[in-house]
Amino acid sequence: MGNALRFLYGHCCKPTTSDDPQSLGPHGVSSSTVGLSALAHDLFHFENTSQVPEGLSKHVVSSKKAQANWFRKLVDAWKDAKPPPRTPEEAARLVILTLKGHKKADVEGLLTFYGLPLPHTLVEVTAQPPTSLPHGVKFEMHTLPVDAKAVADGDTVTVYVSTADPRESSVLPRNVHEAALHRSEARSRRNYEEADAFHKQIIDAGYRMIPFENDEILAKKYRIRLRGIDAPESAMPYGKEAKIELTKILQGKSLRVLVYGEDRYQRCVGDIYCNNIFVQEFMLKKGLAWHYTAYDKRPELETWEKEARSKRVGLWASRNPEKPWDWRKNKRGGN
């Protein structure tokens, strides 16, 4: 069996302990990767037995013989992929490309069987990260990896920036620096009550000690409001979906944030880039946010929203979804 497929199977199907156990799928992985894991498992099984999965025929129109032909092609395609797919979106693209020319009902049925994104929901991001700071940017930050719990909703995330960063070190309050030193010394004496008291001082000042690579980093806390978009509130239709999608793209990643200013809630308003993906473009094309025209007139944001509207993806499945700013206004009026 090919090394690439063996590695993929071992990687995708290895149970994880970082997710909520209730969110784990039948292969012991998170709900966001269970389709990828299941497909990897079935490709592994097919190469050893030449048997396609039971139940697939309920989702496709072609025969078992045709299904076996698909799986042979997919096994070869997966071995040739460099790197192999690591996300449901990447797996869906490989399936679509490999089975190009086959019946649409079969391709979509196969994707549905594994819970992978359908063709019309896949997003191609085009915006490139700027090589120099655009006009209006106050400062740039590079964050530590984002925790899933730090994503508040579809347009707000809490991030931390190491105080080793030159900009942060130049404005680090002396009392915070000293509290971090005292905490470290207290922990070395195993006086954890004293250490926790120093950590509270650090947290109250807007900082935190963040575990990182078997060590701890003193980091500044920032709340980021994604510039130019407005996602549905949590209690609105697609509010939960927007939060889940933003979490999937940000979780565990270090971000590049271009900060333009602050809003009335003391959140930094900025553009976020994650693995060279412009996050606002992604959320708009997914149909999980509006272009916030009251605060941002960029024409590309309008174009990306129109693209999602035309495809009727996400919240645009409804012909007239309620805008979050109207929802908030009505809620304030009701209270």
Protein backbone atom coordinates (compact mmCIF):
# COMPACT_ATOMS: atom_id res chain seq x y z
CA MET A 1 0.00 0.00 0.00
CA GLY A 2 1.24 3.54 -0.77
CA ASN A 3 2.98 5.42 1.99
CA ALA A 4 0.91 8.55 1.36
CA LEU A 5 -2.37 6.70 1.87
CA ARG A 6 -1.06 4.81 4.89
CA PHE A 7 0.08 8.08 6.46
CA LEU A 8 -3.21 9.77 5.66
CA TYR A 9 -5.21 6.96 7.17
CA GLY A 10 -3.12 6.96 10.33
CA HIS A 11 -3.22 10.73 10.61
CA CYS A 12 -6.91 11.24 9.95
CA CYS A 13 -8.25 8.27 11.84
CA LYS A 14 -6.13 8.68 14.93
CA PRO A 15 -8.45 9.68 17.77
CA THR A 16 -7.93 13.14 19.18
CA THR A 17 -8.20 14.23 22.78
CA SER A 18 -8.39 17.97 22.16
CA ASP A 19 -12.05 18.06 21.09
CA ASP A 20 -15.16 17.80 23.14
CA PRO A 21 -15.83 14.03 23.33
CA GLN A 22 -19.45 14.62 22.42
CA SER A 23 -18.35 16.17 19.11
CA LEU A 24 -16.32 13.16 18.01
CA GLY A 25 -17.49 11.20 15.01
CA PRO A 26 -17.51 7.42 14.45
CA HIS A 27 -13.80 7.39 13.60
CA GLY A 28 -12.86 9.16 16.82
CA VAL A 29 -12.12 12.51 15.20
CA SER A 30 -13.78 15.91 15.44
CA SER A 31 -17.00 16.59 13.59
CA SER A 32 -15.08 18.95 11.30
CA THR A 33 -12.86 16.14 9.96
CA VAL A 34 -15.00 13.01 10.30
CA GLY A 35 -15.84 12.98 6.56
CA LEU A 36 -12.17 13.17 5.65
CA SER A 37 -11.37 10.41 8.14
CA ALA A 38 -14.15 8.14 6.86
CA LEU A 39 -13.05 8.55 3.23
CA ALA A 40 -9.41 7.85 4.15
CA HIS A 41 -10.54 4.73 6.04
CA ASP A 42 -12.60 3.48 3.08
CA LEU A 43 -9.79 4.10 0.57
CA PHE A 44 -7.44 2.16 2.84
CA HIS A 45 -10.00 -0.64 3.04
CA PHE A 46 -10.67 -0.63 -0.72
CA GLU A 47 -7.00 -0.98 -1.65
CA ASN A 48 -6.76 -4.06 0.55
CA THR A 49 -10.12 -5.68 -0.26
CA SER A 50 -11.41 -4.05 -3.49
CA GLN A 51 -14.72 -3.54 -1.68
CA VAL A 52 -16.63 -0.26 -1.75
CA PRO A 53 -18.43 0.83 1.43
CA GLU A 54 -21.85 -0.53 2.26
CA GLY A 55 -24.59 2.04 1.98
CA LEU A 56 -22.96 4.09 -0.77
CA SER A 57 -25.47 2.79 -3.34
CA LYS A 58 -28.25 4.60 -1.46
CA HIS A 59 -26.59 7.93 -2.32
CA VAL A 60 -25.45 7.38 -5.93
CA VAL A 61 -27.09 6.17 -9.14
CA SER A 62 -24.30 4.09 -10.70
CA SER A 63 -23.51 0.41 -10.15
CA LYS A 64 -21.09 -1.22 -7.72
CA LYS A 65 -18.74 -1.80 -10.64
CA ALA A 66 -18.70 1.92 -11.40
CA GLN A 67 -18.19 2.71 -7.71
CA ALA A 68 -15.14 0.44 -7.63
CA ASN A 69 -13.75 2.35 -10.61
CA TRP A 70 -14.16 5.64 -8.71
CA PHE A 71 -12.34 4.27 -5.70
CA ARG A 72 -9.43 3.02 -7.81
CA LYS A 73 -9.07 6.52 -9.27
CA LEU A 74 -9.35 8.13 -5.84
CA VAL A 75 -6.70 5.85 -4.33
CA ASP A 76 -4.27 6.82 -7.11
CA ALA A 77 -5.15 10.50 -6.85
CA TRP A 78 -4.65 10.53 -3.10
CA LYS A 79 -1.24 8.89 -3.42
CA ASP A 80 -0.20 11.47 -6.01
CA ALA A 81 -1.44 14.46 -4.01
CA LYS A 82 1.39 16.46 -2.45
CA PRO A 83 0.51 17.19 0.24
CA PRO A 84 -2.49 14.87 0.70
CA PRO A 85 -5.80 16.50 1.68
CA ARG A 86 -5.96 17.57 5.32
CA THR A 87 -9.35 19.31 5.40
CA PRO A 88 -12.84 18.38 4.19
CA GLU A 89 -12.62 21.16 1.59
CA GLU A 90 -9.36 19.78 0.17
CA ALA A 91 -10.80 16.25 0.10
CA ALA A 92 -13.93 17.47 -1.69
CA ARG A 93 -11.86 19.27 -4.32
CA LEU A 94 -9.81 16.14 -4.95
CA VAL A 95 -12.96 14.02 -5.36
CA ILE A 96 -14.51 16.56 -7.74
CA LEU A 97 -11.34 16.85 -9.83
CA THR A 98 -10.74 13.07 -9.92
CA LEU A 99 -14.32 12.26 -10.91
CA LYS A 100 -14.65 15.10 -13.39
CA GLY A 101 -16.82 13.95 -16.29
CA HIS A 102 -18.80 11.50 -14.16
CA LYS A 103 -22.49 12.01 -13.45
CA LYS A 104 -23.21 15.02 -11.26
CA ALA A 105 -25.59 12.94 -9.14
CA ASP A 106 -22.81 10.42 -8.45
CA VAL A 107 -20.21 13.03 -7.49
CA GLU A 108 -22.60 14.89 -5.22
CA GLY A 109 -23.92 11.61 -3.80
CA LEU A 110 -20.42 10.47 -2.94
CA LEU A 111 -19.65 13.81 -1.25
CA THR A 112 -22.94 13.67 0.65
CA PHE A 113 -22.22 10.10 1.79
CA TYR A 114 -19.03 11.34 3.48
CA GLY A 115 -20.46 14.66 4.63
CA LEU A 116 -17.96 16.58 2.48
CA PRO A 117 -18.73 20.03 1.03
CA LEU A 118 -20.72 20.05 -2.19
CA PRO A 119 -19.25 21.82 -5.26
CA HIS A 120 -21.40 24.96 -5.00
CA THR A 121 -20.36 25.52 -1.36
CA LEU A 122 -16.60 25.40 -1.93
CA VAL A 123 -14.82 28.72 -1.68
CA GLU A 124 -11.90 29.85 -3.79
CA VAL A 125 -10.13 32.74 -2.10
CA THR A 126 -8.29 35.13 -4.39
CA ALA A 127 -7.08 38.06 -2.27
CA GLN A 128 -3.36 38.02 -1.54
CA PRO A 129 -1.86 39.27 1.74
CA PRO A 130 -0.41 42.76 1.23
CA THR A 131 3.37 42.98 1.02
CA SER A 132 3.32 46.46 2.60
CA LEU A 133 0.94 48.04 5.08
CA PRO A 134 -2.14 49.49 3.35
CA HIS A 135 -3.20 53.07 3.95
CA GLY A 136 -4.94 53.53 7.29
CA VAL A 137 -3.31 50.63 9.14
CA LYS A 138 -2.32 51.70 12.66
CA PHE A 139 -0.19 48.66 13.39
CA GLU A 140 0.30 44.99 12.51
CA MET A 141 0.27 42.06 14.91
CA HIS A 142 1.26 38.41 14.63
CA THR A 143 -0.63 36.28 17.12
CA LEU A 144 -0.02 33.09 18.99
CA PRO A 145 -2.13 30.08 17.83
CA VAL A 146 -5.84 30.73 18.35
CA ASP A 147 -7.84 28.63 20.80
CA ALA A 148 -11.26 27.46 19.62
CA LYS A 149 -12.91 28.99 22.70
CA ALA A 150 -11.53 32.39 21.68
CA VAL A 151 -13.96 32.69 18.75
CA ALA A 152 -16.97 34.60 20.10
CA ASP A 153 -19.07 34.59 16.93
CA GLY A 154 -18.71 34.90 13.18
CA ASP A 155 -16.87 38.22 13.25
CA THR A 156 -15.09 38.48 16.61
CA VAL A 157 -12.09 36.61 18.03
CA THR A 158 -9.78 37.03 21.01
CA VAL A 159 -6.08 36.70 20.26
CA TYR A 160 -2.82 36.90 22.18
CA VAL A 161 0.47 38.45 21.05
CA SER A 162 3.76 37.51 22.69
CA THR A 163 5.43 40.30 24.64
CA ALA A 164 8.67 39.22 22.93
CA ASP A 165 7.28 41.04 19.91
CA PRO A 166 9.21 44.34 19.58
CA ARG A 167 6.07 46.48 19.61
CA GLU A 168 4.68 44.70 22.67
CA SER A 169 7.95 44.70 24.60
CA SER A 170 8.25 48.46 24.13
CA VAL A 171 4.92 49.08 25.88
CA LEU A 172 4.95 46.25 28.45
CA PRO A 173 4.03 47.71 31.87
CA ARG A 174 6.75 47.23 34.45
CA ASN A 175 4.34 45.83 37.04
CA VAL A 176 3.20 43.12 34.57
CA HIS A 177 6.80 42.16 33.80
CA GLU A 178 7.60 41.93 37.51
CA ALA A 179 4.46 39.92 38.25
CA ALA A 180 5.48 37.40 35.57
CA LEU A 181 8.94 37.06 37.15
CA HIS A 182 7.47 36.65 40.65
CA ARG A 183 4.98 34.07 39.36
CA SER A 184 7.76 32.04 37.78
CA GLU A 185 9.76 32.14 41.01
CA ALA A 186 6.71 31.12 43.07
CA ARG A 187 6.04 28.19 40.76
CA SER A 188 9.64 27.05 41.11
CA ARG A 189 9.00 26.90 44.88
CA ARG A 190 5.70 25.08 44.17
CA ASN A 191 3.81 27.83 45.89
CA TYR A 192 0.94 27.68 43.42
CA GLU A 193 -1.40 29.82 45.50
CA GLU A 194 1.08 32.69 45.37
CA ALA A 195 1.71 32.03 41.66
CA ASP A 196 -2.03 32.19 40.95
CA ALA A 197 -2.25 35.53 42.74
CA PHE A 198 0.46 36.96 40.51
CA HIS A 199 -1.28 35.52 37.45
CA LYS A 200 -4.48 37.30 38.48
CA GLN A 201 -2.53 40.57 38.51
CA ILE A 202 -1.29 39.78 35.01
CA ILE A 203 -4.80 38.94 33.76
CA ASP A 204 -6.34 42.04 35.34
CA ALA A 205 -3.81 44.12 33.36
CA GLY A 206 -4.91 42.58 30.06
CA TYR A 207 -2.18 39.96 29.75
CA ARG A 208 -1.93 36.21 30.30
CA MET A 209 0.62 33.43 30.60
CA ILE A 210 -0.01 31.19 27.58
CA PRO A 211 1.24 27.56 27.45
CA PHE A 212 3.33 27.12 24.33
CA GLU A 213 5.67 24.26 23.30
CA ASN A 214 6.29 22.97 26.85
CA ASP A 215 6.83 26.48 28.13
CA GLU A 216 4.83 29.59 28.94
CA ILE A 217 4.73 32.91 27.12
CA LEU A 218 3.66 36.24 28.56
CA ALA A 219 1.18 37.62 26.01
CA LYS A 220 -1.07 40.65 25.53
CA LYS A 221 -4.77 40.05 25.01
CA TYR A 222 -6.63 41.67 22.10
CA ARG A 223 -10.23 41.35 20.94
CA ILE A 224 -10.46 41.60 17.15
CA ARG A 225 -13.54 42.68 15.23
CA LEU A 226 -13.25 41.63 11.57
CA ARG A 227 -13.27 44.81 9.53
CA GLY A 228 -15.91 45.27 6.86
CA ILE A 229 -18.22 42.33 7.60
CA ASP A 230 -21.11 41.66 9.96
CA ALA A 231 -21.95 38.04 10.73
CA PRO A 232 -25.34 36.87 12.05
CA GLU A 233 -25.68 37.16 15.82
CA SER A 234 -25.58 33.85 17.70
CA ALA A 235 -29.37 33.80 18.20
CA MET A 236 -30.03 34.51 14.51
CA PRO A 237 -30.32 31.95 11.70
CA TYR A 238 -26.82 30.92 10.62
CA GLY A 239 -25.28 32.56 13.69
CA LYS A 240 -23.99 29.24 15.01
CA GLU A 241 -22.83 28.18 11.54
CA ALA A 242 -20.85 31.40 11.16
CA LYS A 243 -19.09 30.86 14.49
CA ILE A 244 -18.31 27.22 13.63
CA GLU A 245 -16.89 28.15 10.22
CA LEU A 246 -14.72 30.95 11.65
CA THR A 247 -13.49 28.58 14.36
CA LYS A 248 -12.56 25.94 11.79
CA ILE A 249 -10.42 28.34 9.79
CA LEU A 250 -8.72 30.03 12.79
CA GLN A 251 -8.33 27.26 15.38
CA GLY A 252 -4.71 26.42 16.11
CA LYS A 253 -3.40 28.98 13.61
CA SER A 254 -1.20 32.03 14.09
CA LEU A 255 -2.77 35.08 12.49
CA ARG A 256 -1.57 38.22 10.79
CA VAL A 257 -3.82 41.10 11.81
CA LEU A 258 -3.77 44.57 10.25
CA VAL A 259 -5.37 46.92 12.77
CA TYR A 260 -7.14 50.06 11.54
CA GLY A 261 -8.55 51.31 14.83
CA GLU A 262 -10.92 50.52 17.71
CA ASP A 263 -14.70 50.32 17.94
CA ARG A 264 -16.85 51.55 20.83
CA TYR A 265 -16.37 48.23 22.62
CA GLN A 266 -12.57 48.68 22.66
CA ARG A 267 -12.12 45.92 20.11
CA CYS A 268 -9.41 46.28 17.49
CA VAL A 269 -10.97 46.54 14.04
CA GLY A 270 -8.79 44.79 11.52
CA ASP A 271 -8.20 42.56 8.53
CA ILE A 272 -7.20 39.00 9.39
CA TYR A 273 -5.01 36.74 7.27
CA CYS A 274 -4.71 33.06 8.17
CA ASN A 275 -2.33 30.85 6.15
CA ASN A 276 -2.44 33.55 3.44
CA ILE A 277 -6.25 33.40 3.34
CA PHE A 278 -8.10 36.70 3.74
CA VAL A 279 -10.65 35.65 6.34
CA GLN A 280 -13.26 38.28 5.47
CA GLU A 281 -13.28 37.08 1.86
CA PHE A 282 -13.77 33.50 3.04
CA MET A 283 -16.69 34.35 5.34
CA LEU A 284 -18.43 36.46 2.69
CA LYS A 285 -18.05 33.83 -0.02
CA LYS A 286 -19.34 31.17 2.37
CA GLY A 287 -22.52 33.20 2.76
CA LEU A 288 -21.97 33.60 6.48
CA ALA A 289 -21.60 37.38 6.69
CA TRP A 290 -22.83 40.62 5.17
CA HIS A 291 -20.65 43.34 3.70
CA TYR A 292 -20.87 45.99 6.44
CA THR A 293 -21.32 48.92 4.08
CA ALA A 294 -22.00 51.42 6.86
CA TYR A 295 -18.37 51.15 7.94
CA ASP A 296 -16.49 49.81 4.92
CA LYS A 297 -16.92 50.72 1.25
CA ARG A 298 -14.40 48.34 -0.30
CA PRO A 299 -15.87 47.15 -3.63
CA GLU A 300 -14.27 43.71 -3.40
CA LEU A 301 -16.30 42.95 -0.27
CA GLU A 302 -19.47 43.86 -2.14
CA THR A 303 -18.42 41.59 -5.01
CA TRP A 304 -17.78 38.64 -2.70
CA GLU A 305 -21.17 39.07 -1.02
CA LYS A 306 -22.88 39.19 -4.42
CA GLU A 307 -21.08 35.98 -5.41
CA ALA A 308 -22.52 34.17 -2.38
CA ARG A 309 -25.96 35.65 -3.05
CA SER A 310 -25.94 34.39 -6.64
CA LYS A 311 -25.02 30.89 -5.47
CA ARG A 312 -27.62 31.04 -2.65
CA VAL A 313 -25.15 29.61 -0.18
CA GLY A 314 -25.28 29.99 3.59
CA LEU A 315 -27.71 32.60 4.83
CA TRP A 316 -28.56 33.50 1.23
CA ALA A 317 -30.58 30.30 0.99
CA SER A 318 -33.28 32.59 2.38
CA ARG A 319 -34.55 35.18 -0.09
CA ASN A 320 -34.64 37.98 2.47
CA PRO A 321 -32.48 37.20 5.51
CA GLU A 322 -32.67 39.67 8.36
CA LYS A 323 -29.59 41.89 8.59
CA PRO A 324 -27.75 41.70 11.92
CA TRP A 325 -27.76 45.49 12.39
CA ASP A 326 -31.55 45.51 11.97
CA TRP A 327 -31.85 42.56 14.35
CA ARG A 328 -29.79 44.39 16.99
CA LYS A 329 -31.82 47.57 16.53
CA ASN A 330 -35.10 45.67 16.94
CA LYS A 331 -33.79 43.87 19.99
CA ARG A 332 -32.77 47.15 21.63
CA GLY A 333 -36.22 48.56 20.82
CA GLY A 334 -37.88 45.50 22.33
CA ASN A 335 -35.91 45.89 25.53
